PDB file of N, CA and C in Angstrom:
ATOM      1  N   MET A   1    -129.025  28.465 -42.322  1.00  0.00           N
ATOM      2  CA  MET A   1    -129.384  27.074 -42.166  1.00  0.00           C
ATOM      3  C   MET A   1    -128.779  26.489 -40.893  1.00  0.00           C
ATOM      4  N   HIS A   2    -127.737  27.043 -40.399  1.00  0.00           N
ATOM      5  CA  HIS A   2    -127.018  26.429 -39.299  1.00  0.00           C
ATOM      6  C   HIS A   2    -127.607  26.716 -37.930  1.00  0.00           C
ATOM      7  N   CYS A   3    -128.689  27.470 -37.851  1.00  0.00           N
ATOM      8  CA  CYS A   3    -129.228  27.869 -36.549  1.00  0.00           C
ATOM      9  C   CYS A   3    -130.221  26.871 -35.965  1.00  0.00           C
ATOM     10  N   ASN A   4    -130.641  25.885 -36.720  1.00  0.00           N
ATOM     11  CA  ASN A   4    -131.601  24.903 -36.228  1.00  0.00           C
ATOM     12  C   ASN A   4    -130.839  23.744 -35.578  1.00  0.00           C
ATOM     13  N   THR A   5    -130.564  23.880 -34.300  1.00  0.00           N
ATOM     14  CA  THR A   5    -129.724  22.888 -33.614  1.00  0.00           C
ATOM     15  C   THR A   5    -130.397  21.526 -33.526  1.00  0.00           C
ATOM     16  N   SER A   6    -131.723  21.479 -33.450  1.00  0.00           N
ATOM     17  CA  SER A   6    -132.413  20.179 -33.413  1.00  0.00           C
ATOM     18  C   SER A   6    -132.168  19.419 -34.708  1.00  0.00           C
ATOM     19  N   TYR A   7    -132.298  20.121 -35.830  1.00  0.00           N
ATOM     20  CA  TYR A   7    -132.030  19.510 -37.126  1.00  0.00           C
ATOM     21  C   TYR A   7    -130.570  19.059 -37.223  1.00  0.00           C
ATOM     22  N   LEU A   8    -129.654  19.954 -36.883  1.00  0.00           N
ATOM     23  CA  LEU A   8    -128.222  19.648 -37.005  1.00  0.00           C
ATOM     24  C   LEU A   8    -127.833  18.415 -36.191  1.00  0.00           C
ATOM     25  N   THR A   9    -128.260  18.362 -34.951  1.00  0.00           N
ATOM     26  CA  THR A   9    -127.872  17.225 -34.111  1.00  0.00           C
ATOM     27  C   THR A   9    -128.539  15.941 -34.569  1.00  0.00           C
ATOM     28  N   ALA A  10    -129.784  16.023 -35.036  1.00  0.00           N
ATOM     29  CA  ALA A  10    -130.475  14.825 -35.509  1.00  0.00           C
ATOM     30  C   ALA A  10    -129.796  14.244 -36.748  1.00  0.00           C
ATOM     31  N   VAL A  11    -129.516  15.088 -37.723  1.00  0.00           N
ATOM     32  CA  VAL A  11    -128.882  14.603 -38.956  1.00  0.00           C
ATOM     33  C   VAL A  11    -127.463  14.122 -38.673  1.00  0.00           C
ATOM     34  N   ALA A  12    -126.706  14.881 -37.909  1.00  0.00           N
ATOM     35  CA  ALA A  12    -125.337  14.471 -37.574  1.00  0.00           C
ATOM     36  C   ALA A  12    -125.336  13.145 -36.831  1.00  0.00           C
ATOM     37  N   ASN A  13    -126.292  12.973 -35.941  1.00  0.00           N
ATOM     38  CA  ASN A  13    -126.382  11.760 -35.142  1.00  0.00           C
ATOM     39  C   ASN A  13    -126.846  10.557 -35.968  1.00  0.00           C
ATOM     40  N   ASP A  14    -127.870  10.753 -36.799  1.00  0.00           N
ATOM     41  CA  ASP A  14    -128.471   9.648 -37.543  1.00  0.00           C
ATOM     42  C   ASP A  14    -127.779   9.351 -38.866  1.00  0.00           C
ATOM     43  N   TYR A  15    -127.125  10.333 -39.445  1.00  0.00           N
ATOM     44  CA  TYR A  15    -126.463  10.152 -40.734  1.00  0.00           C
ATOM     45  C   TYR A  15    -124.973  10.434 -40.593  1.00  0.00           C
ATOM     46  N   SER A  16    -124.628  11.712 -40.667  1.00  0.00           N
ATOM     47  CA  SER A  16    -123.228  12.112 -40.553  1.00  0.00           C
ATOM     48  C   SER A  16    -123.171  13.627 -40.555  1.00  0.00           C
ATOM     49  N   TYR A  17    -122.210  14.169 -39.851  1.00  0.00           N
ATOM     50  CA  TYR A  17    -122.018  15.614 -39.866  1.00  0.00           C
ATOM     51  C   TYR A  17    -121.677  16.087 -41.282  1.00  0.00           C
ATOM     52  N   ASP A  18    -121.133  15.197 -42.096  1.00  0.00           N
ATOM     53  CA  ASP A  18    -120.752  15.560 -43.463  1.00  0.00           C
ATOM     54  C   ASP A  18    -121.944  15.918 -44.349  1.00  0.00           C
ATOM     55  N   VAL A  19    -123.168  15.532 -43.954  1.00  0.00           N
ATOM     56  CA  VAL A  19    -124.334  15.780 -44.810  1.00  0.00           C
ATOM     57  C   VAL A  19    -125.339  16.744 -44.185  1.00  0.00           C
ATOM     58  N   ILE A  20    -124.951  17.447 -43.110  1.00  0.00           N
ATOM     59  CA  ILE A  20    -125.933  18.300 -42.429  1.00  0.00           C
ATOM     60  C   ILE A  20    -126.485  19.401 -43.327  1.00  0.00           C
ATOM     61  N   TYR A  21    -125.692  19.937 -44.216  1.00  0.00           N
ATOM     62  CA  TYR A  21    -126.177  21.000 -45.095  1.00  0.00           C
ATOM     63  C   TYR A  21    -126.705  20.448 -46.417  1.00  0.00           C
ATOM     64  N   SER A  22    -126.062  19.442 -46.968  1.00  0.00           N
ATOM     65  CA  SER A  22    -126.477  18.915 -48.268  1.00  0.00           C
ATOM     66  C   SER A  22    -127.877  18.304 -48.214  1.00  0.00           C
ATOM     67  N   ARG A  23    -128.239  17.665 -47.119  1.00  0.00           N
ATOM     68  CA  ARG A  23    -129.591  17.101 -46.995  1.00  0.00           C
ATOM     69  C   ARG A  23    -130.641  18.207 -47.004  1.00  0.00           C
ATOM     70  N   LEU A  24    -130.352  19.293 -46.346  1.00  0.00           N
ATOM     71  CA  LEU A  24    -131.282  20.422 -46.311  1.00  0.00           C
ATOM     72  C   LEU A  24    -131.419  21.047 -47.694  1.00  0.00           C
ATOM     73  N   ILE A  25    -130.305  21.227 -48.373  1.00  0.00           N
ATOM     74  CA  ILE A  25    -130.333  21.800 -49.719  1.00  0.00           C
ATOM     75  C   ILE A  25    -131.068  20.869 -50.674  1.00  0.00           C
ATOM     76  N   LYS A  26    -130.855  19.580 -50.518  1.00  0.00           N
ATOM     77  CA  LYS A  26    -131.554  18.598 -51.350  1.00  0.00           C
ATOM     78  C   LYS A  26    -133.066  18.749 -51.189  1.00  0.00           C
ATOM     79  N   GLY A  27    -133.515  19.062 -49.976  1.00  0.00           N
ATOM     80  CA  GLY A  27    -134.941  19.170 -49.704  1.00  0.00           C
ATOM     81  C   GLY A  27    -135.563  20.502 -50.086  1.00  0.00           C
ATOM     82  N   ILE A  28    -134.841  21.608 -49.892  1.00  0.00           N
ATOM     83  CA  ILE A  28    -135.482  22.915 -50.108  1.00  0.00           C
ATOM     84  C   ILE A  28    -134.792  23.802 -51.135  1.00  0.00           C
ATOM     85  N   GLY A  29    -133.655  23.394 -51.660  1.00  0.00           N
ATOM     86  CA  GLY A  29    -132.954  24.210 -52.653  1.00  0.00           C
ATOM     87  C   GLY A  29    -133.663  24.208 -53.987  1.00  0.00           C
ATOM     88  N   ASN A  30    -133.673  25.355 -54.638  1.00  0.00           N
ATOM     89  CA  ASN A  30    -134.309  25.502 -55.946  1.00  0.00           C
ATOM     90  C   ASN A  30    -133.341  26.135 -56.930  1.00  0.00           C
ATOM     91  N   PRO A  31    -133.536  25.868 -58.233  1.00  0.00           N
ATOM     92  CA  PRO A  31    -132.688  26.518 -59.231  1.00  0.00           C
ATOM     93  C   PRO A  31    -132.731  28.034 -59.055  1.00  0.00           C
ATOM     94  N   GLY A  32    -131.562  28.654 -59.113  1.00  0.00           N
ATOM     95  CA  GLY A  32    -131.460  30.095 -58.974  1.00  0.00           C
ATOM     96  C   GLY A  32    -131.262  30.566 -57.542  1.00  0.00           C
ATOM     97  N   ASP A  33    -131.522  29.704 -56.552  1.00  0.00           N
ATOM     98  CA  ASP A  33    -131.226  30.058 -55.165  1.00  0.00           C
ATOM     99  C   ASP A  33    -129.722  30.262 -55.024  1.00  0.00           C
ATOM    100  N   VAL A  34    -129.319  31.001 -54.018  1.00  0.00           N
ATOM    101  CA  VAL A  34    -127.905  31.285 -53.784  1.00  0.00           C
ATOM    102  C   VAL A  34    -127.454  30.594 -52.508  1.00  0.00           C
ATOM    103  N   LEU A  35    -126.368  29.859 -52.601  1.00  0.00           N
ATOM    104  CA  LEU A  35    -125.745  29.221 -51.449  1.00  0.00           C
ATOM    105  C   LEU A  35    -124.419  29.915 -51.189  1.00  0.00           C
ATOM    106  N   VAL A  36    -124.259  30.412 -49.969  1.00  0.00           N
ATOM    107  CA  VAL A  36    -122.998  31.010 -49.549  1.00  0.00           C
ATOM    108  C   VAL A  36    -122.395  30.078 -48.513  1.00  0.00           C
ATOM    109  N   GLY A  37    -121.157  29.645 -48.741  1.00  0.00           N
ATOM    110  CA  GLY A  37    -120.483  28.746 -47.812  1.00  0.00           C
ATOM    111  C   GLY A  37    -119.156  29.317 -47.363  1.00  0.00           C
ATOM    112  N   LEU A  38    -118.848  29.105 -46.087  1.00  0.00           N
ATOM    113  CA  LEU A  38    -117.589  29.579 -45.514  1.00  0.00           C
ATOM    114  C   LEU A  38    -116.754  28.388 -45.064  1.00  0.00           C
ATOM    115  N   SER A  39    -115.511  28.350 -45.482  1.00  0.00           N
ATOM    116  CA  SER A  39    -114.575  27.312 -45.067  1.00  0.00           C
ATOM    117  C   SER A  39    -113.167  27.893 -45.187  1.00  0.00           C
ATOM    118  N   THR A  40    -112.474  28.023 -44.071  1.00  0.00           N
ATOM    119  CA  THR A  40    -111.140  28.629 -44.128  1.00  0.00           C
ATOM    120  C   THR A  40    -110.204  27.843 -45.036  1.00  0.00           C
ATOM    121  N   SER A  41    -110.307  26.524 -45.009  1.00  0.00           N
ATOM    122  CA  SER A  41    -109.442  25.693 -45.851  1.00  0.00           C
ATOM    123  C   SER A  41    -110.010  25.504 -47.248  1.00  0.00           C
ATOM    124  N   GLY A  42    -111.339  25.623 -47.364  1.00  0.00           N
ATOM    125  CA  GLY A  42    -111.995  25.305 -48.626  1.00  0.00           C
ATOM    126  C   GLY A  42    -112.176  23.812 -48.793  1.00  0.00           C
ATOM    127  N   ASN A  43    -111.906  23.048 -47.750  1.00  0.00           N
ATOM    128  CA  ASN A  43    -111.961  21.588 -47.826  1.00  0.00           C
ATOM    129  C   ASN A  43    -112.901  20.957 -46.811  1.00  0.00           C
ATOM    130  N   SER A  44    -113.773  21.744 -46.197  1.00  0.00           N
ATOM    131  CA  SER A  44    -114.712  21.196 -45.218  1.00  0.00           C
ATOM    132  C   SER A  44    -115.715  20.295 -45.940  1.00  0.00           C
ATOM    133  N   LYS A  45    -115.754  19.021 -45.569  1.00  0.00           N
ATOM    134  CA  LYS A  45    -116.563  18.037 -46.279  1.00  0.00           C
ATOM    135  C   LYS A  45    -118.048  18.407 -46.286  1.00  0.00           C
ATOM    136  N   ASN A  46    -118.565  18.925 -45.166  1.00  0.00           N
ATOM    137  CA  ASN A  46    -119.994  19.255 -45.139  1.00  0.00           C
ATOM    138  C   ASN A  46    -120.319  20.410 -46.086  1.00  0.00           C
ATOM    139  N   ILE A  47    -119.398  21.334 -46.254  1.00  0.00           N
ATOM    140  CA  ILE A  47    -119.612  22.455 -47.173  1.00  0.00           C
ATOM    141  C   ILE A  47    -119.440  21.982 -48.619  1.00  0.00           C
ATOM    142  N   ILE A  48    -118.449  21.160 -48.860  1.00  0.00           N
ATOM    143  CA  ILE A  48    -118.241  20.602 -50.206  1.00  0.00           C
ATOM    144  C   ILE A  48    -119.475  19.824 -50.650  1.00  0.00           C
ATOM    145  N   ASN A  49    -120.007  18.967 -49.767  1.00  0.00           N
ATOM    146  CA  ASN A  49    -121.209  18.199 -50.106  1.00  0.00           C
ATOM    147  C   ASN A  49    -122.380  19.124 -50.423  1.00  0.00           C
ATOM    148  N   ALA A  50    -122.520  20.191 -49.651  1.00  0.00           N
ATOM    149  CA  ALA A  50    -123.596  21.156 -49.892  1.00  0.00           C
ATOM    150  C   ALA A  50    -123.437  21.806 -51.266  1.00  0.00           C
ATOM    151  N   PHE A  51    -122.218  22.185 -51.613  1.00  0.00           N
ATOM    152  CA  PHE A  51    -121.970  22.815 -52.909  1.00  0.00           C
ATOM    153  C   PHE A  51    -122.230  21.841 -54.053  1.00  0.00           C
ATOM    154  N   GLU A  52    -121.886  20.586 -53.872  1.00  0.00           N
ATOM    155  CA  GLU A  52    -122.145  19.594 -54.921  1.00  0.00           C
ATOM    156  C   GLU A  52    -123.643  19.429 -55.168  1.00  0.00           C
ATOM    157  N   VAL A  53    -124.423  19.349 -54.107  1.00  0.00           N
ATOM    158  CA  VAL A  53    -125.880  19.241 -54.251  1.00  0.00           C
ATOM    159  C   VAL A  53    -126.445  20.527 -54.857  1.00  0.00           C
ATOM    160  N   ALA A  54    -125.937  21.669 -54.426  1.00  0.00           N
ATOM    161  CA  ALA A  54    -126.398  22.945 -54.977  1.00  0.00           C
ATOM    162  C   ALA A  54    -126.144  23.014 -56.482  1.00  0.00           C
ATOM    163  N   LYS A  55    -124.998  22.536 -56.918  1.00  0.00           N
ATOM    164  CA  LYS A  55    -124.680  22.539 -58.349  1.00  0.00           C
ATOM    165  C   LYS A  55    -125.650  21.631 -59.105  1.00  0.00           C
ATOM    166  N   GLU A  56    -125.977  20.455 -58.529  1.00  0.00           N
ATOM    167  CA  GLU A  56    -126.939  19.536 -59.157  1.00  0.00           C
ATOM    168  C   GLU A  56    -128.309  20.203 -59.313  1.00  0.00           C
ATOM    169  N   LYS A  57    -128.635  21.098 -58.383  1.00  0.00           N
ATOM    170  CA  LYS A  57    -129.930  21.776 -58.392  1.00  0.00           C
ATOM    171  C   LYS A  57    -129.887  23.124 -59.115  1.00  0.00           C
ATOM    172  N   ASN A  58    -128.788  23.389 -59.805  1.00  0.00           N
ATOM    173  CA  ASN A  58    -128.614  24.643 -60.559  1.00  0.00           C
ATOM    174  C   ASN A  58    -128.758  25.882 -59.683  1.00  0.00           C
ATOM    175  N   MET A  59    -128.175  25.805 -58.508  1.00  0.00           N
ATOM    176  CA  MET A  59    -128.136  26.948 -57.611  1.00  0.00           C
ATOM    177  C   MET A  59    -126.854  27.741 -57.870  1.00  0.00           C
ATOM    178  N   ILE A  60    -126.839  28.971 -57.452  1.00  0.00           N
ATOM    179  CA  ILE A  60    -125.657  29.820 -57.557  1.00  0.00           C
ATOM    180  C   ILE A  60    -124.840  29.619 -56.283  1.00  0.00           C
ATOM    181  N   THR A  61    -123.541  29.411 -56.421  1.00  0.00           N
ATOM    182  CA  THR A  61    -122.698  29.132 -55.258  1.00  0.00           C
ATOM    183  C   THR A  61    -121.609  30.187 -55.098  1.00  0.00           C
ATOM    184  N   ILE A  62    -121.463  30.632 -53.851  1.00  0.00           N
ATOM    185  CA  ILE A  62    -120.444  31.621 -53.502  1.00  0.00           C
ATOM    186  C   ILE A  62    -119.660  31.057 -52.328  1.00  0.00           C
ATOM    187  N   ALA A  63    -118.349  30.942 -52.481  1.00  0.00           N
ATOM    188  CA  ALA A  63    -117.501  30.382 -51.424  1.00  0.00           C
ATOM    189  C   ALA A  63    -116.573  31.440 -50.859  1.00  0.00           C
ATOM    190  N   PHE A  64    -116.508  31.489 -49.535  1.00  0.00           N
ATOM    191  CA  PHE A  64    -115.534  32.295 -48.814  1.00  0.00           C
ATOM    192  C   PHE A  64    -114.498  31.309 -48.277  1.00  0.00           C
ATOM    193  N   THR A  65    -113.235  31.483 -48.657  1.00  0.00           N
ATOM    194  CA  THR A  65    -112.183  30.556 -48.243  1.00  0.00           C
ATOM    195  C   THR A  65    -110.924  31.325 -47.844  1.00  0.00           C
ATOM    196  N   GLY A  66    -109.890  30.548 -47.547  1.00  0.00           N
ATOM    197  CA  GLY A  66    -108.566  31.102 -47.329  1.00  0.00           C
ATOM    198  C   GLY A  66    -107.790  31.114 -48.636  1.00  0.00           C
ATOM    199  N   ALA A  67    -106.493  31.245 -48.536  1.00  0.00           N
ATOM    200  CA  ALA A  67    -105.612  31.513 -49.679  1.00  0.00           C
ATOM    201  C   ALA A  67    -105.775  30.566 -50.866  1.00  0.00           C
ATOM    202  N   SER A  68    -105.794  29.261 -50.621  1.00  0.00           N
ATOM    203  CA  SER A  68    -105.790  28.324 -51.746  1.00  0.00           C
ATOM    204  C   SER A  68    -107.160  28.125 -52.376  1.00  0.00           C
ATOM    205  N   GLY A  69    -108.217  28.342 -51.615  1.00  0.00           N
ATOM    206  CA  GLY A  69    -109.564  28.071 -52.119  1.00  0.00           C
ATOM    207  C   GLY A  69    -109.968  26.627 -51.923  1.00  0.00           C
ATOM    208  N   GLY A  70    -108.985  25.763 -51.722  1.00  0.00           N
ATOM    209  CA  GLY A  70    -109.261  24.349 -51.495  1.00  0.00           C
ATOM    210  C   GLY A  70    -110.114  23.744 -52.596  1.00  0.00           C
ATOM    211  N   LYS A  71    -110.851  22.694 -52.258  1.00  0.00           N
ATOM    212  CA  LYS A  71    -111.719  22.007 -53.222  1.00  0.00           C
ATOM    213  C   LYS A  71    -112.920  22.863 -53.611  1.00  0.00           C
ATOM    214  N   LEU A  72    -113.296  23.799 -52.753  1.00  0.00           N
ATOM    215  CA  LEU A  72    -114.432  24.664 -53.077  1.00  0.00           C
ATOM    216  C   LEU A  72    -114.150  25.557 -54.278  1.00  0.00           C
ATOM    217  N   LYS A  73    -112.884  25.794 -54.537  1.00  0.00           N
ATOM    218  CA  LYS A  73    -112.494  26.666 -55.649  1.00  0.00           C
ATOM    219  C   LYS A  73    -113.134  26.218 -56.956  1.00  0.00           C
ATOM    220  N   LYS A  74    -113.184  24.917 -57.187  1.00  0.00           N
ATOM    221  CA  LYS A  74    -113.735  24.389 -58.436  1.00  0.00           C
ATOM    222  C   LYS A  74    -115.263  24.298 -58.406  1.00  0.00           C
ATOM    223  N   LEU A  75    -115.858  24.338 -57.216  1.00  0.00           N
ATOM    224  CA  LEU A  75    -117.300  24.190 -57.091  1.00  0.00           C
ATOM    225  C   LEU A  75    -118.044  25.519 -57.015  1.00  0.00           C
ATOM    226  N   ALA A  76    -117.327  26.594 -56.781  1.00  0.00           N
ATOM    227  CA  ALA A  76    -117.961  27.893 -56.569  1.00  0.00           C
ATOM    228  C   ALA A  76    -118.123  28.662 -57.868  1.00  0.00           C
ATOM    229  N   ASP A  77    -119.292  29.265 -58.026  1.00  0.00           N
ATOM    230  CA  ASP A  77    -119.482  30.189 -59.143  1.00  0.00           C
ATOM    231  C   ASP A  77    -118.691  31.465 -58.887  1.00  0.00           C
ATOM    232  N   GLN A  78    -118.658  31.866 -57.620  1.00  0.00           N
ATOM    233  CA  GLN A  78    -117.882  33.036 -57.210  1.00  0.00           C
ATOM    234  C   GLN A  78    -117.032  32.629 -56.013  1.00  0.00           C
ATOM    235  N   LEU A  79    -115.764  32.918 -56.064  1.00  0.00           N
ATOM    236  CA  LEU A  79    -114.839  32.576 -54.987  1.00  0.00           C
ATOM    237  C   LEU A  79    -114.286  33.852 -54.375  1.00  0.00           C
ATOM    238  N   ILE A  80    -114.431  33.955 -53.067  1.00  0.00           N
ATOM    239  CA  ILE A  80    -113.835  35.057 -52.320  1.00  0.00           C
ATOM    240  C   ILE A  80    -112.818  34.420 -51.394  1.00  0.00           C
ATOM    241  N   ASN A  81    -111.568  34.412 -51.832  1.00  0.00           N
ATOM    242  CA  ASN A  81    -110.544  33.768 -51.009  1.00  0.00           C
ATOM    243  C   ASN A  81    -109.602  34.816 -50.414  1.00  0.00           C
ATOM    244  N   VAL A  82    -109.520  34.753 -49.103  1.00  0.00           N
ATOM    245  CA  VAL A  82    -108.679  35.678 -48.354  1.00  0.00           C
ATOM    246  C   VAL A  82    -107.231  35.223 -48.503  1.00  0.00           C
ATOM    247  N   PRO A  83    -106.328  36.104 -48.882  1.00  0.00           N
ATOM    248  CA  PRO A  83    -104.944  35.707 -49.130  1.00  0.00           C
ATOM    249  C   PRO A  83    -104.155  35.481 -47.831  1.00  0.00           C
ATOM    250  N   SER A  84    -104.550  34.444 -47.106  1.00  0.00           N
ATOM    251  CA  SER A  84    -103.895  34.123 -45.839  1.00  0.00           C
ATOM    252  C   SER A  84    -104.077  32.642 -45.538  1.00  0.00           C
ATOM    253  N   ASP A  85    -103.160  32.110 -44.759  1.00  0.00           N
ATOM    254  CA  ASP A  85    -103.278  30.741 -44.250  1.00  0.00           C
ATOM    255  C   ASP A  85    -103.515  30.744 -42.746  1.00  0.00           C
ATOM    256  N   ASP A  86    -103.694  31.913 -42.171  1.00  0.00           N
ATOM    257  CA  ASP A  86    -103.901  32.060 -40.737  1.00  0.00           C
ATOM    258  C   ASP A  86    -105.406  32.062 -40.444  1.00  0.00           C
ATOM    259  N   THR A  87    -105.899  30.982 -39.834  1.00  0.00           N
ATOM    260  CA  THR A  87    -107.340  30.791 -39.642  1.00  0.00           C
ATOM    261  C   THR A  87    -108.034  31.978 -38.983  1.00  0.00           C
ATOM    262  N   PRO A  88    -107.533  32.512 -37.867  1.00  0.00           N
ATOM    263  CA  PRO A  88    -108.233  33.665 -37.272  1.00  0.00           C
ATOM    264  C   PRO A  88    -108.328  34.865 -38.212  1.00  0.00           C
ATOM    265  N   ARG A  89    -107.273  35.143 -38.974  1.00  0.00           N
ATOM    266  CA  ARG A  89    -107.311  36.280 -39.905  1.00  0.00           C
ATOM    267  C   ARG A  89    -108.320  36.020 -41.022  1.00  0.00           C
ATOM    268  N   ILE A  90    -108.386  34.785 -41.499  1.00  0.00           N
ATOM    269  CA  ILE A  90    -109.343  34.434 -42.554  1.00  0.00           C
ATOM    270  C   ILE A  90    -110.763  34.636 -42.040  1.00  0.00           C
ATOM    271  N   GLN A  91    -111.045  34.134 -40.853  1.00  0.00           N
ATOM    272  CA  GLN A  91    -112.385  34.246 -40.287  1.00  0.00           C
ATOM    273  C   GLN A  91    -112.762  35.697 -40.025  1.00  0.00           C
ATOM    274  N   GLU A  92    -111.838  36.477 -39.513  1.00  0.00           N
ATOM    275  CA  GLU A  92    -112.095  37.907 -39.306  1.00  0.00           C
ATOM    276  C   GLU A  92    -112.398  38.596 -40.637  1.00  0.00           C
ATOM    277  N   SER A  93    -111.661  38.235 -41.661  1.00  0.00           N
ATOM    278  CA  SER A  93    -111.876  38.828 -42.980  1.00  0.00           C
ATOM    279  C   SER A  93    -113.225  38.419 -43.554  1.00  0.00           C
ATOM    280  N   HIS A  94    -113.614  37.157 -43.348  1.00  0.00           N
ATOM    281  CA  HIS A  94    -114.920  36.702 -43.820  1.00  0.00           C
ATOM    282  C   HIS A  94    -116.043  37.524 -43.185  1.00  0.00           C
ATOM    283  N   ILE A  95    -115.923  37.790 -41.899  1.00  0.00           N
ATOM    284  CA  ILE A  95    -116.939  38.593 -41.209  1.00  0.00           C
ATOM    285  C   ILE A  95    -116.997  39.997 -41.806  1.00  0.00           C
ATOM    286  N   MET A  96    -115.831  40.616 -41.972  1.00  0.00           N
ATOM    287  CA  MET A  96    -115.786  41.970 -42.521  1.00  0.00           C
ATOM    288  C   MET A  96    -116.354  42.002 -43.944  1.00  0.00           C
ATOM    289  N   LEU A  97    -115.939  41.066 -44.770  1.00  0.00           N
ATOM    290  CA  LEU A  97    -116.426  41.021 -46.153  1.00  0.00           C
ATOM    291  C   LEU A  97    -117.933  40.787 -46.196  1.00  0.00           C
ATOM    292  N   GLY A  98    -118.433  39.940 -45.321  1.00  0.00           N
ATOM    293  CA  GLY A  98    -119.879  39.712 -45.243  1.00  0.00           C
ATOM    294  C   GLY A  98    -120.633  40.984 -44.919  1.00  0.00           C
ATOM    295  N   HIS A  99    -120.110  41.753 -43.975  1.00  0.00           N
ATOM    296  CA  HIS A  99    -120.742  43.021 -43.615  1.00  0.00           C
ATOM    297  C   HIS A  99    -120.698  44.013 -44.779  1.00  0.00           C
ATOM    298  N   ILE A 100    -119.595  44.061 -45.480  1.00  0.00           N
ATOM    299  CA  ILE A 100    -119.472  44.964 -46.630  1.00  0.00           C
ATOM    300  C   ILE A 100    -120.483  44.578 -47.711  1.00  0.00           C
ATOM    301  N   ILE A 101    -120.590  43.299 -47.991  1.00  0.00           N
ATOM    302  CA  ILE A 101    -121.539  42.829 -49.013  1.00  0.00           C
ATOM    303  C   ILE A 101    -122.972  43.161 -48.601  1.00  0.00           C
ATOM    304  N   CYS A 102    -123.308  42.920 -47.339  1.00  0.00           N
ATOM    305  CA  CYS A 102    -124.657  43.251 -46.853  1.00  0.00           C
ATOM    306  C   CYS A 102    -124.937  44.742 -47.002  1.00  0.00           C
ATOM    307  N   GLN A 103    -123.972  45.574 -46.680  1.00  0.00           N
ATOM    308  CA  GLN A 103    -124.158  47.017 -46.811  1.00  0.00           C
ATOM    309  C   GLN A 103    -124.397  47.405 -48.273  1.00  0.00           C
ATOM    310  N   LEU A 104    -123.602  46.849 -49.171  1.00  0.00           N
ATOM    311  CA  LEU A 104    -123.768  47.168 -50.585  1.00  0.00           C
ATOM    312  C   LEU A 104    -125.126  46.716 -51.107  1.00  0.00           C
ATOM    313  N   VAL A 105    -125.551  45.539 -50.704  1.00  0.00           N
ATOM    314  CA  VAL A 105    -126.866  45.035 -51.123  1.00  0.00           C
ATOM    315  C   VAL A 105    -127.976  45.935 -50.583  1.00  0.00           C
ATOM    316  N   GLU A 106    -127.864  46.307 -49.321  1.00  0.00           N
ATOM    317  CA  GLU A 106    -128.876  47.193 -48.730  1.00  0.00           C
ATOM    318  C   GLU A 106    -128.917  48.541 -49.451  1.00  0.00           C
ATOM    319  N   GLU A 107    -127.765  49.083 -49.793  1.00  0.00           N
ATOM    320  CA  GLU A 107    -127.728  50.367 -50.503  1.00  0.00           C
ATOM    321  C   GLU A 107    -128.426  50.273 -51.856  1.00  0.00           C
ATOM    322  N   ILE A 108    -128.248  49.160 -52.510  1.00  0.00           N
ATOM    323  CA  ILE A 108    -128.908  48.967 -53.822  1.00  0.00           C
ATOM    324  C   ILE A 108    -130.386  48.675 -53.623  1.00  0.00           C
ATOM    325  N   TYR A 109    -130.692  47.781 -52.717  1.00  0.00           N
ATOM    326  CA  TYR A 109    -132.070  47.340 -52.512  1.00  0.00           C
ATOM    327  C   TYR A 109    -132.960  48.460 -51.988  1.00  0.00           C
ATOM    328  N   PHE A 110    -132.419  49.275 -51.087  1.00  0.00           N
ATOM    329  CA  PHE A 110    -133.198  50.340 -50.476  1.00  0.00           C
ATOM    330  C   PHE A 110    -132.876  51.719 -51.044  1.00  0.00           C
ATOM    331  N   ALA A 111    -132.323  51.748 -52.239  1.00  0.00           N
ATOM    332  CA  ALA A 111    -131.990  53.022 -52.879  1.00  0.00           C
ATOM    333  C   ALA A 111    -133.247  53.858 -53.045  1.00  0.00           C
ATOM    334  N   ASP A 112    -133.107  55.161 -52.881  1.00  0.00           N
ATOM    335  CA  ASP A 112    -134.228  56.082 -53.041  1.00  0.00           C
ATOM    336  C   ASP A 112    -134.605  56.108 -54.517  1.00  0.00           C
ATOM    337  N   THR A 113    -135.796  55.677 -54.808  1.00  0.00           N
ATOM    338  CA  THR A 113    -136.244  55.617 -56.206  1.00  0.00           C
ATOM    339  C   THR A 113    -136.845  56.939 -56.676  1.00  0.00           C
ATOM    340  N   ASN A 114    -136.846  57.954 -55.805  1.00  0.00           N
ATOM    341  CA  ASN A 114    -137.392  59.262 -56.172  1.00  0.00           C
ATOM    342  C   ASN A 114    -136.358  60.179 -56.822  1.00  0.00           C
ATOM    343  N   ASP A 115    -135.154  59.719 -57.018  1.00  0.00           N
ATOM    344  CA  ASP A 115    -134.103  60.576 -57.611  1.00  0.00           C
ATOM    345  C   ASP A 115    -134.295  60.739 -59.098  1.00  0.00           C
TER     346      ASP A 115
END
């Protein structure tokens, strides 16, 4: 969702940066959709707002955070919190964990069904 810079700047400019993701989820999120959010502190207001709207829409929420989990801890169906308070280490770990999850999903999704 974060790659549409025209949308991001328009909403941030006309409303608030705090609602850039929640407005989008409000418009296109459906029950059963999965929202993955990254916040090293777990307290990023724009991510928290997105998770709150996702919960209202019965979406599945997965949060990647740092050690404490922050406010996202209570909003996430699944919490992946890196046991660190060092922002660069948390972000590096989020990238690595994301790659591992993608690999596991691909292995399951593209498994040879001829076995």
